[in-house]
Every structure is written in C-alpha cells, then in structure tokens.
C-alpha cells in the first residue's frame, strides 16, 4: 500500500529541488553537487545540516553501581517473602526473621551513602549541621545492626516455642538506642561503632547456637544452614576486625572478608526459607499421622465392643466370608464356640450392673488372652460370646474346656463364690460351608444343653 505516497514524494522533490528536476527533464543544465544543494537550501530555509558530534551525545560506557545500596534493596526481598510466608505460616519466628531482614536492608542503605556526603569528619564552628546528620545516620545504622541480630536470634528462640521476650530485652533496647543517640551528639563514631560490633557478635553467636540446637532437636537442614552461615559471618567479621587493627586500616583482606559476608547472608536467607518449609512439611506430616491414627481408632471402635474389647457382630459379618473362603480353598480347619455366662441375670439383680460389667470384661479378657491371633472373638450380645477358631472339632472342644476353667479362675468369677459359670457349645465347620448361620444355631443349641446339665435344668 506504499504506492499512494509516490505522487507526494515526486511533488516534494519538485518543490525542494526545482533546478534539479528541470535539468533532468530538459537535459540542458548540469546537475548540482550535494554541497551546492545544501548551500542553496541553507540560504532558502535557514536549515542547518551540520553533522552532530556523536562523541558528546553518546552516553558514557561506565555506570557507577553502589554495591551496598543494591544489597540493601536485595535484602528487602527476603523480608517481603518472609512477611508473605507469615500469612501461610503465622508463627512468631517467621515475623521475627522478616523484621530482621527489614533492619538489614535499612542499615545497608545507610552504608551506601558516601561518607564525604555525610561530612562525618568536618565541623565548621558548630554551623555545619551535616556533621550531626551524619552522626545520627551512623547511630541509626547501629540501632538497625543490633535490631537485625536481635530479631534473628529471637527467631531461632521462638522456633516451635511461644513468643517470649525476656524482661531485660526492652530496657536494654531503650538503653542501647539512647546510648547511640547520645554518642551522635558527644562522642561520635568511637561511641557507636565498637559497641555496635560487640553487640552484633554476641547476638549472632547466640543465633548460631540456637540454630544448631534446633538442628540437633528436629534434624532440619535449614537450621544447620542458618547456624553455619551465622557462624561463618561471625568468624569472618572477627578476623576482619583483627586484621583491620593489625594493619592499621582497611586492606584487600578486610574488603574480601566484607564481601564474603554477602555469601553468609545468602546462606542465612535460604536457610530461613528452607526451615519454614521444613517446619510446615513436618507439621503436615505429623497431622497426617495423627489423622491416620484417629481414622484407625474410629475404625476399631466401629468393629469393637467398648466394654470387653472383643469384636462385634458387624465385624463378624465382614470377616466370615473371608474365613470361609480360606477354609474352603486352603483346607484351613475351622470351628465355632458359642459361650454364655450362667446366672448372669442373677448377678445383675443381686450385685448390680457394675459387677455384671466386670464379669463381662473378665470373660472378654480371658477369651482374647487364651486364643491365637488367627482366631476371632466376638461379643454376640448380652452375655453371649462367639469364638471362630482355626482348629478341628476335637481341638476346639479342648479349647472350650480350657476357656471355661480360665474364666472360673478369674478374680471376677471367684469374687462371686461360684455364682457364675460358663456354658460352651461347639460346632465344626464343613469344608463346603457358605453360611455360618445354621452352625451358630447348632452351637447355640449345644450350649443350652450344657447349661441345663450344669444348672440342673435351669437356663438363667
């Protein structure tokens, strides 16, 4: 679609270069040189065509970057992420570490200013206020350094612990801040810097110790990383301070150790975030374990009689088809025992239901203690119990006699002086049995025959 612009371009050429157009059409006059065209246009339109001086227009290839200012801005990144993590993990140690990183970002921004701008060492007969401003900035720097180390240590102290601030902490914080401000007016740097580094080293040492304590107790990699980074930062600063004093001023060694602090700071930041996620993951894992245990307890309550600890009839309906399949397919022997406590109603009427519950619990304990893990004991209802034994008929009848003797020897039965007894009926399960109902009725009928024989015809 560029062809509609052609007439406009031709017209502009004719208007701007009329002589050139005439020469090309007539072919009589020679063409003008470029210099002559520029001269003629300069006279007509007063337009300057001088070549620009690109050496002056081009930006400088050198860009000044203040590393401490950049580091200060970067320090606000972990501060922001920590404060965001507090929304998902509202724990005291998370907010403490977030505040620590805010303090670190502030102190690095203060250090990013040029000392010559702060005029820390010049004073013009009391009229130069920039000296006082510089000293107050250094005082604020000292406060932020102590705040960073203090909140970093509080974070390690508050890990999986309540937010407890020692009583001496608040008065100490006020005293340190007051000292720094007073030093800005009267003592200068000598009253701020040494105290700042001394408090920094003490608090960082405490943070490293508490981090290692958390690491040993909970086995979290983030805590090991935090403790190691704090220890490395402390060692580097002490070595740098010693070398500074020994050399009489800053050297390449002290500068290298100072830059190494950035590495330790990155390790601390990564370790803090890692520890938050490890703590959250561990809590979720513990919650899942507790949830599983609660689910198992509920499942056990659904199939267990709370008084005797035996299985209930609901579980019998669930387990009977499986046991019959094992019996039919693999030839596992299977027998039923049907048990009933003699004169149990008389026990309740004479001694009360609490004693009756003790008798039921005693029988349930005997049945579970005297049977194998492959056997199943059910409270069938009232004072009736059912035992599903992996045994032949003869072994099952021997087990019935053993269970009766053990029950009569229990403290609950002996305390009634022979008032109670146990009647047991037995029924062997044929291999092709698909329904245990008729066999239960057969064992129940045999149990009643034994009850009448033991009680002289009474069935109570």
Protein backbone atom coordinates (compact mmCIF):
# COMPACT_ATOMS: atom_id res chain seq x y z
CA UNK A 1 0.00 0.00 0.00
CA UNK A 2 3.00 2.36 -0.40
CA UNK A 3 2.12 3.40 -4.00
CA UNK A 4 -0.30 6.28 -2.98
CA UNK A 5 2.70 8.06 -1.40
CA UNK A 6 4.62 8.23 -4.73
CA UNK A 7 2.92 11.43 -6.05
CA UNK A 8 3.59 13.18 -2.77
CA UNK A 9 7.26 12.19 -2.90
CA UNK A 10 7.57 13.44 -6.51
CA UNK A 11 5.84 16.70 -5.63
CA UNK A 12 8.13 17.25 -2.70
CA UNK A 13 11.14 16.65 -4.93
CA UNK A 14 9.96 19.19 -7.46
CA UNK A 15 9.32 21.79 -4.79
CA UNK A 16 12.60 21.24 -2.96
CA UNK A 17 14.79 20.64 -5.99
CA UNK A 18 13.24 22.62 -8.87
CA UNK A 19 16.52 23.16 -10.74
CA UNK A 20 17.49 19.53 -10.43
CA UNK A 21 14.13 18.49 -11.77
CA UNK A 22 14.43 20.88 -14.69
CA UNK A 23 17.91 19.65 -15.52
CA UNK A 24 16.78 16.06 -15.64
CA UNK A 25 13.74 16.86 -17.77
CA UNK A 26 15.39 19.27 -20.18
CA UNK A 27 18.81 17.70 -20.10
CA UNK A 28 20.48 21.08 -20.76
CA UNK A 29 21.86 22.32 -17.40
CA UNK A 30 24.42 20.26 -15.42
CA UNK A 31 23.31 18.63 -12.11
CA UNK A 32 24.11 20.41 -8.87
CA UNK A 33 26.55 18.89 -6.43
CA UNK A 34 25.47 17.91 -2.95
CA UNK A 35 27.41 20.79 -1.43
CA UNK A 36 25.67 23.30 -3.73
CA UNK A 37 22.25 21.87 -2.84
CA UNK A 38 22.99 22.16 0.90
CA UNK A 39 24.21 25.74 0.45
CA UNK A 40 21.12 26.73 -1.54
CA UNK A 41 18.74 25.12 0.96
CA UNK A 42 20.55 26.75 3.86
CA UNK A 43 20.03 30.15 2.26
CA UNK A 44 16.35 29.43 1.41
CA UNK A 45 15.13 27.76 4.59
CA UNK A 46 17.91 28.60 7.06
CA UNK A 47 18.25 24.90 7.90
CA UNK A 48 21.48 23.65 9.49
CA UNK A 49 22.85 20.39 8.19
CA UNK A 50 25.97 20.16 10.33
CA UNK A 51 26.95 16.62 11.34
CA UNK A 52 26.20 16.08 15.04
CA UNK A 53 29.08 15.38 17.40
CA UNK A 54 28.19 11.85 18.46
CA UNK A 55 31.15 11.67 20.80
CA UNK A 56 29.40 14.19 23.02
CA UNK A 57 25.90 12.74 22.59
CA UNK A 58 26.82 9.11 23.25
CA UNK A 59 26.31 8.01 26.90
CA UNK A 60 29.33 7.09 28.96
CA UNK A 61 30.18 3.35 28.88
CA UNK A 62 30.86 3.38 32.65
CA UNK A 63 27.93 3.04 35.08
CA UNK A 64 28.51 3.54 38.78
CA UNK A 65 26.78 0.89 40.93
CA UNK A 66 26.85 1.18 44.70
CA UNK A 67 27.07 -2.41 45.85
CA UNK A 68 25.79 -1.71 49.34
CA UNK A 69 22.74 0.11 48.01
CA UNK A 70 21.96 -2.78 45.69
CA UNK A 71 22.50 -5.20 48.58
CA UNK A 72 20.14 -3.09 50.69
CA UNK A 73 17.41 -3.33 48.09
CA UNK A 74 18.04 -7.05 47.70
CA UNK A 75 17.72 -7.51 51.47
CA UNK A 76 14.11 -6.33 51.26
CA UNK A 77 13.32 -9.31 49.02
CA UNK A 78 13.67 -11.97 51.78
CA UNK A 79 11.95 -9.51 54.12
CA UNK A 80 8.96 -9.39 51.78
CA UNK A 81 8.91 -13.17 51.25
CA UNK A 82 9.10 -13.77 55.00
CA UNK A 83 6.19 -11.45 55.63
CA UNK A 84 4.22 -13.22 52.90
CA UNK A 85 5.10 -16.60 54.40
CA UNK A 86 3.71 -15.33 57.71
CA UNK A 87 0.28 -15.27 56.03
CA UNK A 88 0.54 -19.03 55.42
CA UNK A 89 2.67 -19.84 58.46
CA UNK A 90 1.65 -17.45 61.26
CA UNK A 91 4.43 -18.26 63.70
CA UNK A 92 6.47 -15.82 65.83
CA UNK A 93 9.80 -16.87 64.36
CA UNK A 94 8.65 -16.05 60.80
CA UNK A 95 7.66 -12.48 61.64
CA UNK A 96 10.86 -12.04 63.69
CA UNK A 97 13.02 -13.03 60.72
CA UNK A 98 11.01 -10.73 58.44
CA UNK A 99 11.71 -7.78 60.75
CA UNK A 100 15.40 -8.78 60.86
CA UNK A 101 15.67 -8.55 57.08
CA UNK A 102 13.92 -5.18 57.04
CA UNK A 103 16.52 -3.91 59.52
CA UNK A 104 19.34 -5.35 57.39
CA UNK A 105 18.03 -3.62 54.27
CA UNK A 106 17.83 -0.30 56.12
CA UNK A 107 21.36 -0.46 57.52
CA UNK A 108 22.80 -1.38 54.12
CA UNK A 109 21.06 1.61 52.54
CA UNK A 110 22.61 3.84 55.20
CA UNK A 111 26.04 2.39 54.45
CA UNK A 112 25.51 3.04 50.74
CA UNK A 113 25.83 6.81 51.29
CA UNK A 114 29.19 8.41 50.58
CA UNK A 115 30.93 9.32 53.85
CA UNK A 116 32.04 12.58 52.20
CA UNK A 117 28.37 13.48 51.73
CA UNK A 118 27.70 12.78 55.38
CA UNK A 119 30.62 15.04 56.43
CA UNK A 120 31.44 12.80 59.37
CA UNK A 121 34.84 14.33 59.96
CA UNK A 122 34.28 18.03 59.26
CA UNK A 123 32.83 20.61 61.54
CA UNK A 124 32.73 24.34 60.83
CA UNK A 125 32.50 26.12 64.18
CA UNK A 126 29.22 24.49 65.03
CA UNK A 127 27.43 25.79 61.94
CA UNK A 128 27.68 22.66 59.80
CA UNK A 129 24.55 20.61 60.54
CA UNK A 130 25.58 17.91 58.10
CA UNK A 131 28.04 16.59 60.66
CA UNK A 132 25.20 15.98 63.10
CA UNK A 133 23.11 14.41 60.36
CA UNK A 134 25.94 12.04 59.50
CA UNK A 135 26.43 11.02 63.10
CA UNK A 136 22.70 10.44 63.58
CA UNK A 137 22.73 8.29 60.45
CA UNK A 138 25.51 6.21 61.97
CA UNK A 139 23.52 5.98 65.21
CA UNK A 140 20.52 4.72 63.23
CA UNK A 141 22.84 2.28 61.49
CA UNK A 142 23.93 0.95 64.88
CA UNK A 143 20.33 0.55 66.03
CA UNK A 144 19.45 -1.35 62.86
CA UNK A 145 22.50 -3.62 63.17
CA UNK A 146 21.52 -4.57 66.72
CA UNK A 147 17.87 -4.98 65.65
CA UNK A 148 18.88 -7.32 62.82
CA UNK A 149 20.96 -9.53 65.11
CA UNK A 150 18.41 -9.43 67.95
CA UNK A 151 15.42 -10.42 65.81
CA UNK A 152 17.47 -13.09 64.06
CA UNK A 153 18.25 -14.59 67.46
CA UNK A 154 14.65 -14.22 68.66
CA UNK A 155 13.54 -16.08 65.56
CA UNK A 156 15.67 -19.08 66.46
CA UNK A 157 14.47 -18.89 70.09
CA UNK A 158 10.82 -18.77 69.04
CA UNK A 159 11.02 -21.71 66.66
CA UNK A 160 8.22 -24.08 67.76
CA UNK A 161 8.06 -22.14 71.01
CA UNK A 162 5.83 -19.35 72.36
CA UNK A 163 6.76 -15.74 71.70
CA UNK A 164 8.54 -14.93 74.96
CA UNK A 165 10.60 -11.73 75.24
CA UNK A 166 12.94 -11.59 78.27
CA UNK A 167 12.20 -8.85 80.76
CA UNK A 168 15.60 -7.29 80.27
CA UNK A 169 15.22 -7.06 76.48
CA UNK A 170 13.04 -3.93 76.33
CA UNK A 171 15.06 -1.85 78.85
CA UNK A 172 18.25 -2.99 77.11
CA UNK A 173 16.92 -1.92 73.70
CA UNK A 174 15.97 1.52 75.03
CA UNK A 175 19.38 1.90 76.70
CA UNK A 176 21.29 0.95 73.54
CA UNK A 177 19.26 3.35 71.38
CA UNK A 178 19.74 6.16 73.91
CA UNK A 179 23.48 5.47 74.01
CA UNK A 180 23.77 5.66 70.24
CA UNK A 181 21.86 8.93 70.04
CA UNK A 182 23.90 10.45 72.87
CA UNK A 183 27.11 9.30 71.20
CA UNK A 184 25.99 11.04 68.00
CA UNK A 185 25.99 14.36 69.90
CA UNK A 186 29.03 14.00 72.14
CA UNK A 187 31.29 11.02 71.39
CA UNK A 188 30.96 10.49 67.65
CA UNK A 189 31.87 7.28 65.90
CA UNK A 190 34.05 6.00 68.73
CA UNK A 191 30.98 5.68 70.93
CA UNK A 192 28.84 3.93 68.31
CA UNK A 193 30.89 1.57 66.13
CA UNK A 194 32.70 -0.55 68.79
CA UNK A 195 29.53 -1.08 70.83
CA UNK A 196 27.60 -1.96 67.67
CA UNK A 197 30.02 -4.66 66.59
CA UNK A 198 30.32 -6.07 70.11
CA UNK A 199 26.53 -6.46 70.42
CA UNK A 200 26.36 -7.81 66.88
CA UNK A 201 28.89 -10.54 67.61
CA UNK A 202 27.20 -11.54 70.86
CA UNK A 203 23.75 -11.76 69.29
CA UNK A 204 24.99 -13.55 66.16
CA UNK A 205 26.81 -16.09 68.34
CA UNK A 206 23.57 -16.69 70.23
CA UNK A 207 21.63 -17.06 66.97
CA UNK A 208 24.16 -19.61 65.71
CA UNK A 209 23.97 -21.58 68.96
CA UNK A 210 20.16 -21.63 68.97
CA UNK A 211 20.10 -22.65 65.30
CA UNK A 212 22.35 -25.61 65.99
CA UNK A 213 20.12 -26.54 68.93
CA UNK A 214 17.08 -26.55 66.65
CA UNK A 215 19.02 -28.58 64.07
CA UNK A 216 20.01 -31.25 66.60
CA UNK A 217 16.49 -31.50 68.01
CA UNK A 218 14.47 -31.53 64.80
CA UNK A 219 17.04 -32.65 62.18
CA UNK A 220 16.17 -29.81 59.80
CA UNK A 221 18.68 -28.92 57.08
CA UNK A 222 17.57 -25.28 57.13
CA UNK A 223 18.57 -24.93 60.77
CA UNK A 224 22.03 -26.38 60.03
CA UNK A 225 22.43 -23.91 57.17
CA UNK A 226 21.37 -20.95 59.32
CA UNK A 227 23.69 -21.91 62.15
CA UNK A 228 26.65 -22.49 59.81
CA UNK A 229 26.06 -19.19 57.99
CA UNK A 230 25.82 -17.22 61.24
CA UNK A 231 28.99 -18.89 62.49
CA UNK A 232 30.81 -18.10 59.23
CA UNK A 233 29.63 -14.49 59.34
CA UNK A 234 30.80 -14.15 62.95
CA UNK A 235 34.21 -15.67 62.24
CA UNK A 236 34.71 -13.51 59.13
CA UNK A 237 33.85 -10.29 60.96
CA UNK A 238 36.11 -11.08 63.89
CA UNK A 239 39.01 -11.89 61.55
CA UNK A 240 38.36 -8.73 59.53
CA UNK A 241 38.30 -6.60 62.68
CA UNK A 242 41.52 -8.16 63.92
CA UNK A 243 43.25 -7.65 60.57
CA UNK A 244 41.98 -4.07 60.44
CA UNK A 245 43.55 -3.31 63.80
CA UNK A 246 46.78 -5.14 62.93
CA UNK A 247 47.16 -3.46 59.52
CA UNK A 248 46.19 -0.03 60.80
CA UNK A 249 43.45 0.41 58.20
CA UNK A 250 41.38 -1.30 55.53
CA UNK A 251 43.17 -3.70 53.20
CA UNK A 252 42.29 -6.11 50.43
CA UNK A 253 41.82 -8.83 53.04
CA UNK A 254 39.27 -6.86 55.04
CA UNK A 255 37.42 -5.93 51.85
CA UNK A 256 37.31 -9.58 50.73
CA UNK A 257 36.02 -10.67 54.13
CA UNK A 258 33.37 -7.96 53.99
CA UNK A 259 32.17 -9.15 50.59
CA UNK A 260 32.17 -12.70 51.93
CA UNK A 261 29.50 -11.60 54.39
CA UNK A 262 27.14 -11.39 51.42
CA UNK A 263 27.65 -15.12 50.87
CA UNK A 264 26.83 -15.83 54.51
CA UNK A 265 23.79 -13.56 54.24
CA UNK A 266 22.54 -15.52 51.25
CA UNK A 267 23.00 -18.74 53.22
CA UNK A 268 21.03 -17.31 56.12
CA UNK A 269 18.20 -16.18 53.83
CA UNK A 270 18.00 -19.53 52.05
CA UNK A 271 18.22 -21.42 55.34
CA UNK A 272 15.40 -19.40 56.90
CA UNK A 273 13.07 -20.03 53.96
CA UNK A 274 14.06 -23.69 53.88
CA UNK A 275 13.40 -24.06 57.60
CA UNK A 276 9.94 -22.51 57.27
CA UNK A 277 9.01 -25.01 54.56
CA UNK A 278 10.57 -27.91 56.50
CA UNK A 279 8.60 -26.92 59.59
CA UNK A 280 5.38 -26.69 57.59
CA UNK A 281 6.04 -30.02 55.87
CA UNK A 282 6.84 -31.74 59.16
CA UNK A 283 3.67 -30.38 60.76
CA UNK A 284 1.60 -31.59 57.82
CA UNK A 285 3.29 -35.00 58.06
CA UNK A 286 2.57 -35.21 61.80
CA UNK A 287 -1.02 -34.12 61.18
CA UNK A 288 -1.39 -36.87 58.57
CA UNK A 289 -0.03 -39.43 61.04
CA UNK A 290 -2.44 -38.25 63.72
CA UNK A 291 -5.27 -38.28 61.23
CA UNK A 292 -4.38 -41.83 60.26
CA UNK A 293 -4.28 -42.88 63.90
CA UNK A 294 -7.65 -41.24 64.53
CA UNK A 295 -9.04 -43.00 61.47
CA UNK A 296 -7.73 -46.34 62.72
CA UNK A 297 -9.20 -45.69 66.16
CA UNK A 298 -12.56 -44.87 64.65
CA UNK A 299 -12.40 -47.99 62.51
CA UNK A 300 -11.52 -50.05 65.59
CA UNK A 301 -14.40 -48.50 67.53
CA UNK A 302 -16.75 -49.36 64.69
CA UNK A 303 -15.89 -53.07 64.91
CA UNK A 304 -15.05 -53.42 68.61
CA UNK A 305 -17.20 -53.78 71.69
CA UNK A 306 -16.08 -51.00 74.07
CA UNK A 307 -16.72 -52.94 77.28
CA UNK A 308 -14.94 -56.22 76.54
CA UNK A 309 -12.56 -55.23 73.75
CA UNK A 310 -13.86 -58.10 71.59
CA UNK A 311 -15.08 -57.73 68.05
CA UNK A 312 -18.78 -57.02 67.47
CA UNK A 313 -21.29 -58.71 65.19
CA UNK A 314 -20.70 -56.11 62.48
CA UNK A 315 -17.12 -57.27 62.10
CA UNK A 316 -18.26 -60.88 62.11
CA UNK A 317 -20.38 -60.15 59.03
CA UNK A 318 -17.28 -58.65 57.35
CA UNK A 319 -14.79 -61.37 58.25
CA UNK A 320 -16.93 -64.52 57.94
CA UNK A 321 -16.88 -64.73 54.09
CA UNK A 322 -13.10 -64.38 54.03
CA UNK A 323 -12.60 -67.09 56.66
CA UNK A 324 -14.96 -69.44 54.85
CA UNK A 325 -13.05 -68.86 51.59
CA UNK A 326 -9.74 -69.65 53.32
CA UNK A 327 -11.33 -72.74 54.86
CA UNK A 328 -12.73 -73.93 51.54
CA UNK A 329 -9.77 -73.11 49.29
CA UNK A 330 -6.80 -73.95 51.52
CA UNK A 331 -8.34 -76.54 53.84
CA UNK A 332 -7.79 -74.45 56.98
CA UNK A 333 -9.71 -76.14 59.83
CA UNK A 334 -12.50 -74.03 61.28
CA UNK A 335 -14.77 -74.44 64.31
CA UNK A 336 -17.27 -72.33 66.25
CA UNK A 337 -17.58 -71.89 70.00
CA UNK A 338 -20.74 -70.32 71.40
CA UNK A 339 -20.40 -69.21 75.05
CA UNK A 340 -22.92 -67.95 77.59
CA UNK A 341 -22.47 -66.90 81.24
CA UNK A 342 -24.68 -68.89 83.59
CA UNK A 343 -26.89 -66.98 86.05
CA UNK A 344 -25.69 -63.63 84.69
CA UNK A 345 -29.12 -62.04 85.21
CA UNK A 346 -28.95 -63.04 88.87
CA UNK A 347 -25.55 -61.33 89.14
CA UNK A 348 -27.03 -58.09 87.79
CA UNK A 349 -30.08 -58.32 90.03
CA UNK A 350 -28.09 -59.18 93.18
CA UNK A 351 -24.82 -57.28 92.81
CA UNK A 352 -25.69 -54.58 90.29
CA UNK A 353 -24.80 -53.91 86.70
CA UNK A 354 -21.32 -52.64 87.57
CA UNK A 355 -20.35 -56.09 88.87
CA UNK A 356 -22.04 -57.61 85.83
CA UNK A 357 -19.86 -55.41 83.56
CA UNK A 358 -16.78 -56.58 85.44
CA UNK A 359 -17.75 -60.20 84.78
CA UNK A 360 -18.26 -59.50 81.07
CA UNK A 361 -14.93 -57.71 80.83
CA UNK A 362 -13.20 -60.59 82.63
CA UNK A 363 -14.62 -63.13 80.20
CA UNK A 364 -13.62 -60.98 77.23
CA UNK A 365 -10.08 -60.71 78.58
CA UNK A 366 -9.83 -64.48 79.13
CA UNK A 367 -11.08 -65.26 75.62
CA UNK A 368 -8.64 -62.86 73.97
CA UNK A 369 -5.70 -63.96 76.10
CA UNK A 370 -6.29 -67.70 75.54
CA UNK A 371 -6.82 -67.62 71.77
CA UNK A 372 -4.36 -67.09 68.92
CA UNK A 373 -4.04 -64.10 66.61
CA UNK A 374 -5.58 -66.15 63.82
CA UNK A 375 -8.73 -66.68 65.93
CA UNK A 376 -11.55 -64.16 66.33
CA UNK A 377 -13.53 -63.43 69.50
CA UNK A 378 -16.92 -61.68 69.17
CA UNK A 379 -19.36 -60.39 71.73
CA UNK A 380 -22.55 -61.72 70.23
CA UNK A 381 -24.96 -59.90 72.51
CA UNK A 382 -25.66 -59.54 76.22
CA UNK A 383 -23.68 -62.26 77.98
CA UNK A 384 -23.16 -64.36 74.83
CA UNK A 385 -19.83 -64.67 73.02
CA UNK A 386 -18.74 -66.35 69.79
CA UNK A 387 -15.24 -67.63 69.01
CA UNK A 388 -14.13 -68.52 65.48
CA UNK A 389 -11.24 -70.98 65.88
CA UNK A 390 -8.79 -72.28 63.31
CA UNK A 391 -8.98 -75.79 64.79
CA UNK A 392 -10.54 -79.19 64.30
CA UNK A 393 -13.57 -80.23 66.33
CA UNK A 394 -11.59 -82.12 68.98
CA UNK A 395 -9.13 -79.28 69.48
CA UNK A 396 -11.99 -76.82 69.65
CA UNK A 397 -13.72 -78.80 72.40
CA UNK A 398 -10.45 -78.96 74.35
CA UNK A 399 -10.10 -75.20 73.95
CA UNK A 400 -13.68 -74.77 75.24
CA UNK A 401 -12.83 -76.65 78.46
CA UNK A 402 -9.66 -74.56 78.84
CA UNK A 403 -11.58 -71.31 78.43
CA UNK A 404 -14.22 -72.36 80.97
CA UNK A 405 -11.57 -73.23 83.56
CA UNK A 406 -9.67 -69.97 82.98
CA UNK A 407 -12.85 -67.92 83.37
CA UNK A 408 -13.86 -69.63 86.62
CA UNK A 409 -10.35 -68.94 87.91
CA UNK A 410 -10.56 -65.22 87.13
CA UNK A 411 -10.82 -62.76 90.08
CA UNK A 412 -14.23 -61.52 88.94
CA UNK A 413 -15.70 -65.06 88.95
CA UNK A 414 -14.04 -66.08 92.22
CA UNK A 415 -15.39 -62.95 93.92
CA UNK A 416 -18.93 -64.25 93.30
CA UNK A 417 -18.25 -67.51 95.16
CA UNK A 418 -19.42 -69.86 92.44
CA UNK A 419 -22.48 -67.89 91.45
CA UNK A 420 -21.44 -67.78 87.78
CA UNK A 421 -20.37 -70.50 85.37
CA UNK A 422 -19.71 -70.73 81.64
CA UNK A 423 -21.58 -72.91 79.18
CA UNK A 424 -19.94 -73.59 75.81
CA UNK A 425 -21.33 -75.13 72.64
CA UNK A 426 -19.12 -76.30 69.77
CA UNK A 427 -19.71 -76.87 66.05
CA UNK A 428 -17.18 -77.89 63.37
CA UNK A 429 -17.43 -76.07 60.02
CA UNK A 430 -17.61 -78.42 56.99
CA UNK A 431 -15.33 -77.55 54.01
CA UNK A 432 -18.14 -76.53 51.65
CA UNK A 433 -19.96 -74.29 54.11
CA UNK A 434 -21.10 -70.95 52.69
CA UNK A 435 -23.26 -69.73 55.56
CA UNK A 436 -22.30 -69.90 59.24
CA UNK A 437 -25.83 -69.15 60.46
CA UNK A 438 -27.02 -72.78 60.81
CA UNK A 439 -23.75 -73.76 62.52
CA UNK A 440 -24.13 -70.92 65.01
CA UNK A 441 -27.61 -72.17 65.82
CA UNK A 442 -26.22 -75.69 66.29
CA UNK A 443 -23.51 -74.44 68.66
CA UNK A 444 -26.10 -72.34 70.48
CA UNK A 445 -28.34 -75.39 70.95
CA UNK A 446 -25.43 -77.45 72.31
CA UNK A 447 -24.56 -74.61 74.66
CA UNK A 448 -28.10 -74.62 76.08
CA UNK A 449 -27.96 -78.39 76.59
CA UNK A 450 -24.76 -77.99 78.57
CA UNK A 451 -26.26 -75.09 80.51
CA UNK A 452 -29.22 -77.24 81.58
CA UNK A 453 -26.88 -80.02 82.57
CA UNK A 454 -24.61 -77.75 84.62
CA UNK A 455 -27.50 -75.90 86.28
CA UNK A 456 -29.77 -78.83 86.90
CA UNK A 457 -32.27 -77.83 84.22
CA UNK A 458 -32.10 -74.04 84.82
CA UNK A 459 -31.08 -71.86 81.90
CA UNK A 460 -30.71 -68.46 83.52
